[in-house]
């Protein structure tokens, strides 16, 4: 594999939509070290450039980037990329950040865009289009922006002041906010002569459970996302002493932990599937269990038990999971007597669905399977060219960082569309390699190449935090711990680049390599056989070998195993002819306003 190849997304910390939304291409230690040096602004603006909500995502992100971290190949846990983004966000200099926000043109470009829904996708569209001179109106039925980040993520995970600040960075650009405004007709919006409409309304309908007793016990049976919203906006301040939460996702974890803070004394999470298949993030499950909440796996709901009009419990069938040859799961009853679990209230958190009753079906917006809009996966444009979708509203429930990624790309499409250009002809992301020799950039390599387990994030004391639902539980790293955690980074952004013509085959790089990842050997036609001849066994077959292509003077080839390379830079430092160089890889997403008159269609 050549270092300029981008075909291996794991190697360059690009995972799914994070390649568009997370600054994973920016070395984690770089902006944390800037913080430690007091250069808060530089660090934070890099952090804000792509993910838009660093303080929010540094607390709540599902962390799809972290499995790509190569520290996870040598130890159990990768670098805490998510928590380090929070360190950068929490230690910024507010005055400097405000001064470096994009300049908004006083003279508008004459194009008007409506955003329906005030969540992360819509806000990202606004963040990218406002500096280009667009006039933007945002409609949302909540009293403030943020969408489900405000109504579905409890304050003990995401303090309101953090969300407010990051939402206001965008709305203060001059977005006209129409809060407490429920849009009940897309036609009404289109009739206002907007040049484009972006729909980022999320997946607002929680799934229900229609089994015996549901109607009779309705007063004490709650749809999870609706119940969390009622708590967030302080319409509900109490719940029964015994609570059952149905579901194994993050919403279920938020429901059970919120129940404790509203006075519940006995909270149980009950899931149909094995615990190993719970969809909640492992750290969210850990936090719930830290607060004493048990998880009951393999329990299928049978009925709500109602006595004299009052909900008193639920009955469950105990099951086991069986899998066929294709991996499809079936839940098979154990044939035991139903399990009765007493309760006063039940929160149903078994999934979310989209709902578009407010979109008339004669507006050119086509709907397909599951009554979802037909949306282009690259451009986010619907069959009505003026209407774009993003976030959960586009393809179903995902997460905040995916919604941000959709917003960036939808903004590109809207800008192209409103400038009379093809939305499919998009510039590829920018990539480059810049020399990073140790002698000039020594700070880049000062993380010690040692075993170093992930640092534990401090938490508020359990009994104290349970008395206040707004008290943040996860306290985050201070700058000292953040710096230490950043030092676990293996410098994957600095790639080793080998130039055969400069190599004199002195083997100095082989001698100095701390992991024996470099080998000079005879060519081989069979890769499997070649792997057996390397200085250290190259057992990870999913990782390409880096092999020289031009013949060396002795007709040998250079082989480097990227799986065990630490990117420490010692080979480049030791090489007497500069045959080895360390070059920093940068990945920059194309934003709205960056396009050429002629680009190759689908170039990215």
Protein backbone atom coordinates (compact mmCIF):
# COMPACT_ATOMS: atom_id res chain seq x y z
CA UNK A 1 0.00 0.00 0.00
CA UNK A 2 1.37 3.39 -0.94
CA UNK A 3 1.08 6.11 1.70
CA UNK A 4 -0.90 8.29 -0.68
CA UNK A 5 -3.64 5.69 -1.05
CA UNK A 6 -6.88 6.54 0.74
CA UNK A 7 -8.53 3.21 0.06
CA UNK A 8 -8.09 2.00 3.64
CA UNK A 9 -10.46 4.13 5.74
CA UNK A 10 -9.41 2.50 9.01
CA UNK A 11 -5.77 3.39 8.44
CA UNK A 12 -6.53 7.09 8.18
CA UNK A 13 -9.08 7.26 10.97
CA UNK A 14 -11.99 7.67 8.56
CA UNK A 15 -15.02 5.72 9.60
CA UNK A 16 -18.36 5.94 7.80
CA UNK A 17 -19.70 9.49 8.07
CA UNK A 18 -16.99 10.60 10.48
CA UNK A 19 -14.79 11.24 7.45
CA UNK A 20 -17.13 14.15 6.75
CA UNK A 21 -17.90 15.31 10.27
CA UNK A 22 -15.10 14.55 12.74
CA UNK A 23 -11.70 16.21 12.54
CA UNK A 24 -10.22 12.74 12.90
CA UNK A 25 -7.70 13.71 10.23
CA UNK A 26 -6.30 16.23 12.71
CA UNK A 27 -3.94 14.51 15.14
CA UNK A 28 -5.60 14.27 18.53
CA UNK A 29 -2.46 15.26 20.46
CA UNK A 30 -1.99 18.38 18.35
CA UNK A 31 -4.87 20.41 19.65
CA UNK A 32 -4.64 18.96 23.16
CA UNK A 33 -1.00 19.98 23.32
CA UNK A 34 -1.97 23.42 22.08
CA UNK A 35 -4.35 23.64 25.01
CA UNK A 36 -1.62 22.63 27.44
CA UNK A 37 0.52 25.39 25.94
CA UNK A 38 -2.26 27.93 26.43
CA UNK A 39 -3.14 28.26 22.72
CA UNK A 40 -6.83 27.59 23.27
CA UNK A 41 -8.18 29.31 20.19
CA UNK A 42 -6.14 27.45 17.58
CA UNK A 43 -7.11 24.18 19.18
CA UNK A 44 -10.78 24.92 19.46
CA UNK A 45 -11.35 26.30 15.97
CA UNK A 46 -9.88 23.13 14.48
CA UNK A 47 -12.20 21.19 16.75
CA UNK A 48 -15.23 23.25 15.67
CA UNK A 49 -14.51 23.36 11.96
CA UNK A 50 -15.96 19.98 11.05
CA UNK A 51 -17.94 18.51 13.92
CA UNK A 52 -19.69 21.84 14.75
CA UNK A 53 -20.71 20.69 18.26
CA UNK A 54 -17.44 19.74 20.01
CA UNK A 55 -18.78 20.32 23.52
CA UNK A 56 -21.90 18.27 22.80
CA UNK A 57 -20.18 15.47 20.92
CA UNK A 58 -17.30 15.39 23.39
CA UNK A 59 -19.92 14.25 25.89
CA UNK A 60 -22.46 12.28 23.90
CA UNK A 61 -20.94 10.95 20.66
CA UNK A 62 -21.30 7.26 19.82
CA UNK A 63 -17.58 7.36 18.95
CA UNK A 64 -17.60 5.61 15.56
CA UNK A 65 -14.07 6.94 14.99
CA UNK A 66 -12.47 5.22 17.97
CA UNK A 67 -12.52 1.62 16.65
CA UNK A 68 -10.12 2.81 13.94
CA UNK A 69 -7.55 4.01 16.47
CA UNK A 70 -4.42 1.87 16.19
CA UNK A 71 -3.77 2.08 19.93
CA UNK A 72 -6.64 -0.40 20.13
CA UNK A 73 -4.45 -2.92 18.28
CA UNK A 74 -1.90 -3.06 21.08
CA UNK A 75 -4.16 -2.46 24.08
CA UNK A 76 -7.80 -3.02 24.91
CA UNK A 77 -8.91 0.62 24.61
CA UNK A 78 -8.16 3.17 21.86
CA UNK A 79 -7.24 6.79 22.49
CA UNK A 80 -10.22 8.59 24.04
CA UNK A 81 -10.80 10.75 20.95
CA UNK A 82 -14.31 11.74 22.02
CA UNK A 83 -13.29 12.87 25.49
CA UNK A 84 -10.29 14.75 24.13
CA UNK A 85 -12.58 16.78 21.89
CA UNK A 86 -14.40 17.77 25.05
CA UNK A 87 -11.12 18.83 26.68
CA UNK A 88 -10.53 21.17 23.75
CA UNK A 89 -14.09 22.52 23.89
CA UNK A 90 -14.18 22.99 27.66
CA UNK A 91 -10.87 24.86 27.77
CA UNK A 92 -11.43 27.30 24.94
CA UNK A 93 -11.15 31.06 25.26
CA UNK A 94 -14.66 32.35 24.58
CA UNK A 95 -13.61 35.83 23.49
CA UNK A 96 -11.09 34.50 21.00
CA UNK A 97 -13.57 31.98 19.64
CA UNK A 98 -16.21 34.65 19.11
CA UNK A 99 -13.66 36.80 17.32
CA UNK A 100 -12.77 33.95 14.95
CA UNK A 101 -16.29 32.97 13.98
CA UNK A 102 -17.03 33.30 10.24
CA UNK A 103 -17.82 36.78 8.97
CA UNK A 104 -21.44 37.02 7.81
CA UNK A 105 -21.95 39.26 4.77
CA UNK A 106 -24.15 42.28 5.42
CA UNK A 107 -25.24 42.17 1.80
CA UNK A 108 -27.17 38.95 1.26
CA UNK A 109 -27.03 37.00 -1.99
CA UNK A 110 -30.77 37.13 -2.51
CA UNK A 111 -31.40 33.41 -1.94
CA UNK A 112 -33.69 32.23 0.88
CA UNK A 113 -33.49 28.81 2.54
CA UNK A 114 -35.91 27.28 5.03
CA UNK A 115 -34.76 24.75 7.61
CA UNK A 116 -37.48 22.59 9.15
CA UNK A 117 -36.32 21.14 12.44
CA UNK A 118 -33.71 22.72 14.69
CA UNK A 119 -31.48 19.71 15.27
CA UNK A 120 -27.82 19.06 14.39
CA UNK A 121 -28.39 18.51 10.66
CA UNK A 122 -30.30 21.76 10.13
CA UNK A 123 -27.91 23.74 12.30
CA UNK A 124 -24.95 22.42 10.33
CA UNK A 125 -26.59 23.52 7.08
CA UNK A 126 -27.04 26.99 8.58
CA UNK A 127 -23.44 27.05 9.82
CA UNK A 128 -22.15 26.36 6.29
CA UNK A 129 -24.55 28.57 4.31
CA UNK A 130 -24.77 31.72 6.43
CA UNK A 131 -21.18 32.84 5.67
CA UNK A 132 -22.05 32.61 1.96
CA UNK A 133 -24.74 35.27 2.23
CA UNK A 134 -27.89 33.13 2.31
CA UNK A 135 -30.96 34.25 4.25
CA UNK A 136 -32.08 31.38 6.46
CA UNK A 137 -35.26 30.80 8.43
CA UNK A 138 -35.31 27.94 10.93
CA UNK A 139 -38.61 26.41 12.08
CA UNK A 140 -38.84 24.21 15.17
CA UNK A 141 -41.63 23.30 17.56
CA UNK A 142 -39.35 23.51 20.61
CA UNK A 143 -38.66 26.72 22.53
CA UNK A 144 -34.95 26.63 21.61
CA UNK A 145 -32.63 25.06 19.05
CA UNK A 146 -30.89 21.74 19.29
CA UNK A 147 -33.64 19.30 18.35
CA UNK A 148 -33.32 15.93 20.01
CA UNK A 149 -29.99 17.01 21.53
CA UNK A 150 -32.12 19.20 23.78
CA UNK A 151 -35.18 17.04 24.31
CA UNK A 152 -33.71 13.53 24.33
CA UNK A 153 -30.29 13.84 25.99
CA UNK A 154 -30.68 14.40 29.74
CA UNK A 155 -28.96 17.32 31.41
CA UNK A 156 -26.85 15.02 33.56
CA UNK A 157 -25.14 13.95 30.32
CA UNK A 158 -25.35 17.24 28.41
CA UNK A 159 -25.65 20.45 30.44
CA UNK A 160 -28.06 22.94 28.90
CA UNK A 161 -25.49 25.74 28.99
CA UNK A 162 -23.11 23.71 26.81
CA UNK A 163 -25.83 23.03 24.25
CA UNK A 164 -27.05 26.63 24.31
CA UNK A 165 -23.60 28.01 23.61
CA UNK A 166 -22.94 25.74 20.65
CA UNK A 167 -26.40 26.26 19.17
CA UNK A 168 -26.06 30.01 19.61
CA UNK A 169 -22.73 30.09 17.78
CA UNK A 170 -24.79 29.23 14.71
CA UNK A 171 -28.06 31.05 15.28
CA UNK A 172 -26.17 34.22 16.24
CA UNK A 173 -24.86 34.32 12.66
CA UNK A 174 -28.20 35.86 11.77
CA UNK A 175 -30.46 32.83 11.38
CA UNK A 176 -34.09 33.88 11.77
CA UNK A 177 -35.44 31.40 14.32
CA UNK A 178 -39.11 30.50 14.37
CA UNK A 179 -39.25 28.57 17.65
CA UNK A 180 -42.48 27.14 19.10
CA UNK A 181 -43.62 26.82 15.50
CA UNK A 182 -44.80 23.38 14.43
CA UNK A 183 -44.80 23.03 10.66
CA UNK A 184 -47.93 21.11 9.73
CA UNK A 185 -47.68 21.60 5.97
CA UNK A 186 -44.70 21.53 3.64
CA UNK A 187 -46.86 23.17 1.00
CA UNK A 188 -47.27 26.19 3.26
CA UNK A 189 -43.49 26.52 3.50
CA UNK A 190 -42.98 26.11 -0.24
CA UNK A 191 -45.66 28.72 -0.89
CA UNK A 192 -43.45 31.25 0.90
CA UNK A 193 -41.17 31.17 -2.15
CA UNK A 194 -38.07 29.79 -0.49
CA UNK A 195 -35.39 28.88 -3.00
CA UNK A 196 -34.62 25.65 -1.13
CA UNK A 197 -35.97 23.75 1.86
CA UNK A 198 -33.99 21.45 4.13
CA UNK A 199 -35.86 18.96 6.31
CA UNK A 200 -34.07 17.79 9.43
CA UNK A 201 -36.96 16.78 11.66
CA UNK A 202 -35.36 13.61 13.03
CA UNK A 203 -37.26 10.42 13.85
CA UNK A 204 -39.88 11.87 16.19
CA UNK A 205 -42.16 8.90 16.77
CA UNK A 206 -41.27 6.39 19.47
CA UNK A 207 -42.37 2.82 18.89
CA UNK A 208 -45.17 1.48 21.04
CA UNK A 209 -45.88 -1.98 22.39
CA UNK A 210 -49.40 -3.23 21.69
CA UNK A 211 -49.94 -6.14 24.06
CA UNK A 212 -52.63 -6.98 26.60
CA UNK A 213 -53.17 -4.24 29.17
CA UNK A 214 -51.65 -1.42 27.10
CA UNK A 215 -54.84 0.66 26.94
CA UNK A 216 -55.96 -0.07 30.50
CA UNK A 217 -52.60 0.97 31.98
CA UNK A 218 -52.00 3.87 29.58
CA UNK A 219 -51.73 6.50 32.33
CA UNK A 220 -48.54 4.89 33.62
CA UNK A 221 -47.06 3.60 30.36
CA UNK A 222 -44.85 6.12 28.59
CA UNK A 223 -43.16 6.32 25.19
CA UNK A 224 -39.50 6.85 26.08
CA UNK A 225 -38.58 9.75 23.82
CA UNK A 226 -41.79 11.62 24.63
CA UNK A 227 -41.28 11.05 28.34
CA UNK A 228 -37.67 12.31 28.19
CA UNK A 229 -38.89 15.40 26.35
CA UNK A 230 -41.52 16.09 29.00
CA UNK A 231 -38.82 15.85 31.67
CA UNK A 232 -36.41 18.08 29.74
CA UNK A 233 -39.01 20.83 29.43
CA UNK A 234 -40.06 20.32 33.07
CA UNK A 235 -43.59 19.16 32.30
CA UNK A 236 -42.94 16.06 34.40
CA UNK A 237 -41.09 16.04 37.71
CA UNK A 238 -41.91 12.67 39.28
CA UNK A 239 -42.42 8.99 38.51
CA UNK A 240 -43.47 5.92 40.48
CA UNK A 241 -41.26 4.09 42.97
CA UNK A 242 -40.94 0.97 40.82
CA UNK A 243 -40.09 1.50 37.14
CA UNK A 244 -39.51 -0.89 34.25
CA UNK A 245 -37.67 0.39 31.19
CA UNK A 246 -38.16 -1.69 28.05
CA UNK A 247 -35.33 -1.57 25.51
CA UNK A 248 -31.57 -1.84 25.29
CA UNK A 249 -30.53 1.32 23.47
CA UNK A 250 -29.17 4.65 24.65
CA UNK A 251 -32.69 6.04 25.02
CA UNK A 252 -33.46 3.22 27.46
CA UNK A 253 -30.32 4.08 29.44
CA UNK A 254 -31.40 7.71 29.58
CA UNK A 255 -34.90 6.71 30.72
CA UNK A 256 -33.72 4.46 33.53
CA UNK A 257 -31.16 6.93 34.85
CA UNK A 258 -33.63 9.82 34.64
CA UNK A 259 -36.20 7.74 36.56
CA UNK A 260 -33.79 7.46 39.48
CA UNK A 261 -33.40 11.21 39.53
CA UNK A 262 -37.17 11.73 39.59
CA UNK A 263 -37.61 9.63 42.72
CA UNK A 264 -37.81 6.01 41.55
CA UNK A 265 -36.33 3.58 44.05
CA UNK A 266 -36.37 0.37 42.04
CA UNK A 267 -35.56 0.66 38.33
CA UNK A 268 -35.05 -2.32 36.05
CA UNK A 269 -34.06 -2.44 32.37
CA UNK A 270 -35.61 -5.39 30.54
CA UNK A 271 -34.56 -6.44 27.03
CA UNK A 272 -35.73 -9.16 24.65
CA UNK A 273 -32.28 -9.94 23.34
CA UNK A 274 -29.08 -11.19 24.97
CA UNK A 275 -27.15 -8.48 26.76
CA UNK A 276 -24.36 -8.77 24.19
CA UNK A 277 -26.76 -7.48 21.54
CA UNK A 278 -27.95 -4.42 23.43
CA UNK A 279 -27.58 -1.40 21.16
CA UNK A 280 -26.65 1.05 23.90
CA UNK A 281 -23.06 2.25 23.97
CA UNK A 282 -21.07 0.13 26.45
CA UNK A 283 -20.15 3.20 28.50
CA UNK A 284 -23.83 4.17 28.81
CA UNK A 285 -24.62 0.70 30.16
CA UNK A 286 -21.69 0.98 32.55
CA UNK A 287 -22.96 4.34 33.83
CA UNK A 288 -26.43 2.90 34.43
CA UNK A 289 -25.03 -0.07 36.31
CA UNK A 290 -22.77 2.23 38.33
CA UNK A 291 -25.98 3.80 39.59
CA UNK A 292 -27.34 0.39 40.62
CA UNK A 293 -29.67 -0.35 37.72
CA UNK A 294 -29.86 -4.07 36.80
CA UNK A 295 -30.27 -5.37 33.25
CA UNK A 296 -32.59 -8.32 32.61
CA UNK A 297 -31.82 -10.02 29.29
CA UNK A 298 -33.86 -12.53 27.26
CA UNK A 299 -37.26 -11.41 28.60
CA UNK A 300 -40.02 -10.99 26.01
CA UNK A 301 -42.98 -8.83 27.15
CA UNK A 302 -46.27 -10.74 27.38
CA UNK A 303 -48.67 -8.32 29.01
CA UNK A 304 -49.10 -5.28 31.20
CA UNK A 305 -50.75 -6.37 34.45
CA UNK A 306 -53.52 -4.00 35.51
CA UNK A 307 -55.46 -4.37 38.77
CA UNK A 308 -58.58 -2.24 39.34
CA UNK A 309 -57.49 0.16 36.61
CA UNK A 310 -53.97 0.57 37.98
CA UNK A 311 -50.75 -0.74 36.44
CA UNK A 312 -49.10 -3.10 38.92
CA UNK A 313 -46.58 -5.02 36.86
CA UNK A 314 -45.56 -6.78 33.65
CA UNK A 315 -45.33 -10.44 32.67
CA UNK A 316 -42.43 -11.70 30.57
CA UNK A 317 -41.56 -14.93 28.81
CA UNK A 318 -37.99 -16.08 29.37
CA UNK A 319 -36.30 -17.01 26.10
CA UNK A 320 -32.98 -18.04 24.65
CA UNK A 321 -31.42 -16.80 21.44
CA UNK A 322 -30.78 -19.26 18.62
CA UNK A 323 -29.04 -18.45 15.33
CA UNK A 324 -29.31 -20.16 11.96
CA UNK A 325 -26.46 -20.63 9.49
CA UNK A 326 -26.97 -17.14 8.10
CA UNK A 327 -26.74 -15.58 11.56
CA UNK A 328 -30.43 -14.74 11.78
CA UNK A 329 -31.61 -14.73 15.36
CA UNK A 330 -34.71 -16.40 16.76
CA UNK A 331 -35.95 -16.07 20.33
CA UNK A 332 -37.10 -19.44 21.61
CA UNK A 333 -39.25 -19.73 24.74
CA UNK A 334 -37.80 -21.76 27.60
CA UNK A 335 -41.32 -22.98 28.37
CA UNK A 336 -41.20 -21.72 31.93
CA UNK A 337 -43.96 -19.94 33.82
CA UNK A 338 -44.19 -16.21 32.98
CA UNK A 339 -41.98 -13.92 35.05
CA UNK A 340 -43.89 -11.18 36.91
CA UNK A 341 -42.03 -7.94 37.60
CA UNK A 342 -43.91 -5.43 39.74
CA UNK A 343 -43.94 -1.80 38.68
CA UNK A 344 -45.74 1.52 39.02
CA UNK A 345 -44.60 2.92 35.64
CA UNK A 346 -43.16 1.61 32.39
CA UNK A 347 -41.04 3.50 29.85
CA UNK A 348 -41.06 1.98 26.36
CA UNK A 349 -37.76 2.66 24.58
CA UNK A 350 -37.73 0.02 21.85
CA UNK A 351 -36.94 2.21 18.86
CA UNK A 352 -37.97 5.24 16.85
CA UNK A 353 -39.68 5.78 13.52
CA UNK A 354 -39.99 8.65 11.11
CA UNK A 355 -43.30 10.41 10.64
CA UNK A 356 -44.14 12.76 7.77
CA UNK A 357 -47.90 13.36 7.99
CA UNK A 358 -47.23 17.05 7.38
CA UNK A 359 -45.70 16.49 3.94
CA UNK A 360 -48.41 16.49 1.29
CA UNK A 361 -48.03 13.72 -1.26
CA UNK A 362 -48.60 15.94 -4.30
CA UNK A 363 -45.49 18.13 -3.94
CA UNK A 364 -43.10 15.95 -5.92
CA UNK A 365 -41.43 14.48 -2.81
CA UNK A 366 -41.52 10.76 -3.49
CA UNK A 367 -41.90 8.26 -0.65
CA UNK A 368 -40.75 4.65 -0.70
CA UNK A 369 -40.25 1.78 1.71
CA UNK A 370 -41.52 2.33 5.26
CA UNK A 371 -42.99 5.61 4.05
CA UNK A 372 -39.52 7.17 3.96
CA UNK A 373 -38.67 9.92 1.47
CA UNK A 374 -36.63 8.89 -1.54
CA UNK A 375 -33.36 10.77 -0.98
CA UNK A 376 -30.11 10.62 -2.94
CA UNK A 377 -27.44 9.22 -0.63
CA UNK A 378 -24.75 11.55 -1.97
CA UNK A 379 -26.58 14.81 -2.55
CA UNK A 380 -29.44 14.48 0.00
CA UNK A 381 -31.80 15.90 -2.61
CA UNK A 382 -35.35 14.53 -2.86
CA UNK A 383 -37.32 14.01 -6.05
CA UNK A 384 -38.48 17.61 -5.64
CA UNK A 385 -35.21 19.38 -6.50
CA UNK A 386 -35.89 22.24 -4.07
CA UNK A 387 -36.32 19.90 -1.08
CA UNK A 388 -33.39 18.28 0.74
CA UNK A 389 -33.33 15.92 3.74
CA UNK A 390 -30.69 15.10 6.33
CA UNK A 391 -30.11 13.48 9.70
CA UNK A 392 -32.58 10.87 10.93
CA UNK A 393 -35.23 12.33 8.61
CA UNK A 394 -33.24 11.18 5.56
CA UNK A 395 -32.47 7.52 6.20
CA UNK A 396 -33.72 6.70 9.68
CA UNK A 397 -32.28 6.93 13.20
CA UNK A 398 -28.51 7.22 13.48
CA UNK A 399 -26.59 9.61 15.75
CA UNK A 400 -25.58 13.24 16.12
CA UNK A 401 -22.30 13.02 14.24
CA UNK A 402 -24.00 11.38 11.27
CA UNK A 403 -26.57 14.19 11.23
CA UNK A 404 -23.73 16.72 11.19
CA UNK A 405 -22.14 14.87 8.26
CA UNK A 406 -25.44 14.98 6.39
CA UNK A 407 -25.75 18.70 7.08
CA UNK A 408 -22.33 19.47 5.59
CA UNK A 409 -23.07 17.54 2.43
CA UNK A 410 -26.62 18.87 2.06
CA UNK A 411 -25.25 22.41 2.37
CA UNK A 412 -22.87 21.68 -0.51
CA UNK A 413 -25.82 20.47 -2.59
CA UNK A 414 -28.02 23.44 -1.74
CA UNK A 415 -25.24 25.87 -2.62
CA UNK A 416 -24.56 24.11 -5.94
CA UNK A 417 -28.28 23.94 -6.75
CA UNK A 418 -28.89 27.60 -6.03
CA UNK A 419 -25.91 28.58 -8.17
CA UNK A 420 -27.20 26.66 -11.16
CA UNK A 421 -24.66 23.85 -10.90
CA UNK A 422 -25.14 20.11 -10.85
CA UNK A 423 -25.46 18.81 -7.30
CA UNK A 424 -23.73 15.59 -8.40
CA UNK A 425 -20.55 17.31 -9.57
CA UNK A 426 -18.76 17.75 -6.28
CA UNK A 427 -15.13 18.39 -5.44
CA UNK A 428 -13.32 15.52 -3.77
CA UNK A 429 -12.08 16.05 -0.21
CA UNK A 430 -8.66 17.64 0.01
CA UNK A 431 -5.75 15.42 1.03
CA UNK A 432 -2.05 16.05 1.23
CA UNK A 433 1.21 14.84 2.74
CA UNK A 434 3.63 17.36 4.27
CA UNK A 435 7.12 16.51 5.48
CA UNK A 436 7.24 16.19 9.25
CA UNK A 437 10.88 15.33 9.97
CA UNK A 438 11.65 14.99 13.64
CA UNK A 439 14.36 17.61 13.62
CA UNK A 440 11.87 20.34 12.69
CA UNK A 441 8.67 18.99 14.25
CA UNK A 442 10.10 17.23 17.28
CA UNK A 443 7.01 17.89 19.41
CA UNK A 444 5.01 15.65 17.07
CA UNK A 445 6.93 12.62 18.28
CA UNK A 446 7.24 13.26 22.01
CA UNK A 447 4.60 10.67 22.98
CA UNK A 448 6.45 7.74 24.47
CA UNK A 449 6.14 4.42 22.69
CA UNK A 450 5.12 2.44 25.77
CA UNK A 451 2.22 0.39 27.07
CA UNK A 452 -0.28 2.91 28.35
CA UNK A 453 -3.86 2.03 29.32
CA UNK A 454 -6.69 4.45 28.74
CA UNK A 455 -7.22 6.97 31.51
CA UNK A 456 -10.45 6.72 33.48
CA UNK A 457 -12.72 9.76 33.25
CA UNK A 458 -13.78 11.07 36.67
CA UNK A 459 -17.46 10.92 37.64
CA UNK A 460 -19.52 12.79 40.18
CA UNK A 461 -20.31 10.85 43.35
CA UNK A 462 -23.32 8.63 42.65
CA UNK A 463 -25.50 9.44 45.63
CA UNK A 464 -24.95 13.15 45.16
CA UNK A 465 -25.66 13.13 41.43
CA UNK A 466 -28.91 11.19 41.92
CA UNK A 467 -30.32 14.08 43.93
CA UNK A 468 -30.11 16.53 41.02
CA UNK A 469 -31.06 15.53 37.48
CA UNK A 470 -29.16 18.54 36.08
CA UNK A 471 -25.85 17.69 37.75
CA UNK A 472 -23.37 16.47 35.12
CA UNK A 473 -22.21 12.97 35.96
CA UNK A 474 -19.19 12.54 33.70
CA UNK A 475 -16.79 15.31 34.68
CA UNK A 476 -14.34 14.99 31.82
CA UNK A 477 -10.56 15.18 31.79
CA UNK A 478 -8.73 18.21 33.07
CA UNK A 479 -5.93 19.47 30.85
CA UNK A 480 -3.27 17.41 32.64
CA UNK A 481 -5.12 14.11 32.23
CA UNK A 482 -6.18 15.13 28.74
CA UNK A 483 -2.55 15.70 27.81
CA UNK A 484 -1.56 12.33 29.28
CA UNK A 485 -4.35 10.59 27.36
CA UNK A 486 -3.32 12.36 24.15
CA UNK A 487 0.20 11.01 24.65
CA UNK A 488 -1.21 7.51 24.01
CA UNK A 489 -1.59 8.51 20.34
CA UNK A 490 0.67 6.53 18.02
CA UNK A 491 1.03 9.40 15.52
CA UNK A 492 -0.94 7.70 12.77
CA UNK A 493 -1.27 11.03 11.00
CA UNK A 494 2.47 11.03 10.28
CA UNK A 495 3.06 8.50 7.49
CA UNK A 496 6.37 6.88 6.69
CA UNK A 497 7.31 7.51 3.04
CA UNK A 498 10.10 5.50 1.42
CA UNK A 499 12.06 6.64 -1.66
CA UNK A 500 13.90 3.70 -3.21
CA UNK A 501 16.28 5.84 -5.28
CA UNK A 502 17.80 7.35 -2.13
CA UNK A 503 18.24 4.07 -0.25
CA UNK A 504 21.79 2.71 0.11
CA UNK A 505 20.60 -0.39 2.00
CA UNK A 506 22.62 0.33 5.11
CA UNK A 507 19.86 -1.23 7.24
CA UNK A 508 20.10 1.58 9.78
CA UNK A 509 16.31 1.82 9.78
CA UNK A 510 16.05 -1.90 10.50
CA UNK A 511 18.43 -1.59 13.43
CA UNK A 512 16.67 1.35 15.06
CA UNK A 513 13.05 0.23 14.56
CA UNK A 514 11.59 -0.54 18.02
CA UNK A 515 8.98 -2.96 16.64
CA UNK A 516 10.95 -4.73 13.89
CA UNK A 517 8.37 -3.64 11.34
CA UNK A 518 10.93 -3.04 8.53
CA UNK A 519 12.48 -5.89 6.55
CA UNK A 520 14.75 -5.97 3.49
CA UNK A 521 14.31 -9.29 1.75
CA UNK A 522 14.13 -10.99 -1.63
CA UNK A 523 10.98 -10.45 -3.69
CA UNK A 524 8.21 -13.02 -3.46
CA UNK A 525 5.33 -13.84 -5.74
CA UNK A 526 3.21 -15.15 -2.88
CA UNK A 527 2.26 -12.67 -0.16
CA UNK A 528 1.56 -15.40 2.37
CA UNK A 529 5.09 -16.72 1.98
CA UNK A 530 6.53 -13.20 2.13
CA UNK A 531 4.81 -12.57 5.45
CA UNK A 532 6.69 -15.50 6.99
CA UNK A 533 10.06 -13.95 6.12
CA UNK A 534 9.58 -10.62 7.87
CA UNK A 535 11.49 -9.54 10.96
CA UNK A 536 8.27 -9.71 12.99
CA UNK A 537 5.32 -11.93 11.99
CA UNK A 538 2.76 -10.00 9.92
CA UNK A 539 -0.32 -11.82 11.16
CA UNK A 540 -2.95 -9.16 10.56
CA UNK A 541 -4.06 -10.10 7.06
CA UNK A 542 -6.55 -7.22 6.90
CA UNK A 543 -3.67 -4.70 6.98
CA UNK A 544 -1.80 -4.22 3.71
CA UNK A 545 1.97 -4.39 3.68
CA UNK A 546 3.91 -1.34 2.47
CA UNK A 547 6.30 -2.67 -0.20
CA UNK A 548 8.84 -0.81 -2.33
CA UNK A 549 8.07 -0.93 -6.03
CA UNK A 550 11.36 0.01 -7.69
CA UNK A 551 14.32 -2.35 -7.52
CA UNK A 552 16.99 -1.59 -4.92
CA UNK A 553 20.67 -2.02 -5.84
CA UNK A 554 20.78 -5.53 -4.37
CA UNK A 555 17.46 -6.47 -6.03
CA UNK A 556 15.86 -6.80 -2.59
CA UNK A 557 12.61 -5.15 -1.63
CA UNK A 558 11.71 -3.13 1.44
CA UNK A 559 8.67 -4.42 3.33
CA UNK A 560 7.05 -2.57 6.22
CA UNK A 561 4.24 -4.02 8.31
CA UNK A 562 1.88 -1.11 8.96
CA UNK A 563 0.07 -3.12 11.59
CA UNK A 564 2.94 -2.88 14.07
CA UNK A 565 4.55 0.38 12.90
CA UNK A 566 4.32 3.01 15.63
CA UNK A 567 4.97 6.00 13.36
CA UNK A 568 7.65 7.05 15.83
CA UNK A 569 9.81 8.67 13.13
CA UNK A 570 13.05 7.02 14.23
CA UNK A 571 13.67 5.48 10.79
CA UNK A 572 13.49 8.89 9.14
CA UNK A 573 15.66 10.43 11.83
CA UNK A 574 18.31 7.70 11.51
CA UNK A 575 18.38 7.39 7.70
CA UNK A 576 21.61 9.01 6.38
CA UNK A 577 20.23 9.67 2.89
CA UNK A 578 16.66 10.80 3.65
CA UNK A 579 15.27 7.72 1.92
CA UNK A 580 12.77 7.64 4.76
CA UNK A 581 10.61 10.68 5.44
CA UNK A 582 7.74 11.29 7.83
CA UNK A 583 4.86 13.11 6.15
CA UNK A 584 1.74 14.33 7.89
CA UNK A 585 -1.52 13.25 6.28
CA UNK A 586 -4.32 15.83 6.22
CA UNK A 587 -7.92 15.27 5.15
CA UNK A 588 -10.13 18.29 4.56
CA UNK A 589 -13.79 18.03 3.69
CA UNK A 590 -15.11 20.22 0.88
CA UNK A 591 -17.61 22.68 2.30
CA UNK A 592 -20.38 24.69 0.71
CA UNK A 593 -18.92 27.42 -1.48
CA UNK A 594 -15.91 25.31 -2.51
CA UNK A 595 -16.53 24.12 -6.03
CA UNK A 596 -14.98 24.40 -9.45
CA UNK A 597 -16.67 25.15 -12.76
CA UNK A 598 -15.62 21.75 -14.00
CA UNK A 599 -15.26 18.76 -11.71
CA UNK A 600 -15.70 15.12 -12.39
CA UNK A 601 -19.14 13.85 -11.42
CA UNK A 602 -19.11 11.73 -8.29
CA UNK A 603 -15.41 12.45 -7.83
CA UNK A 604 -15.53 11.68 -4.13
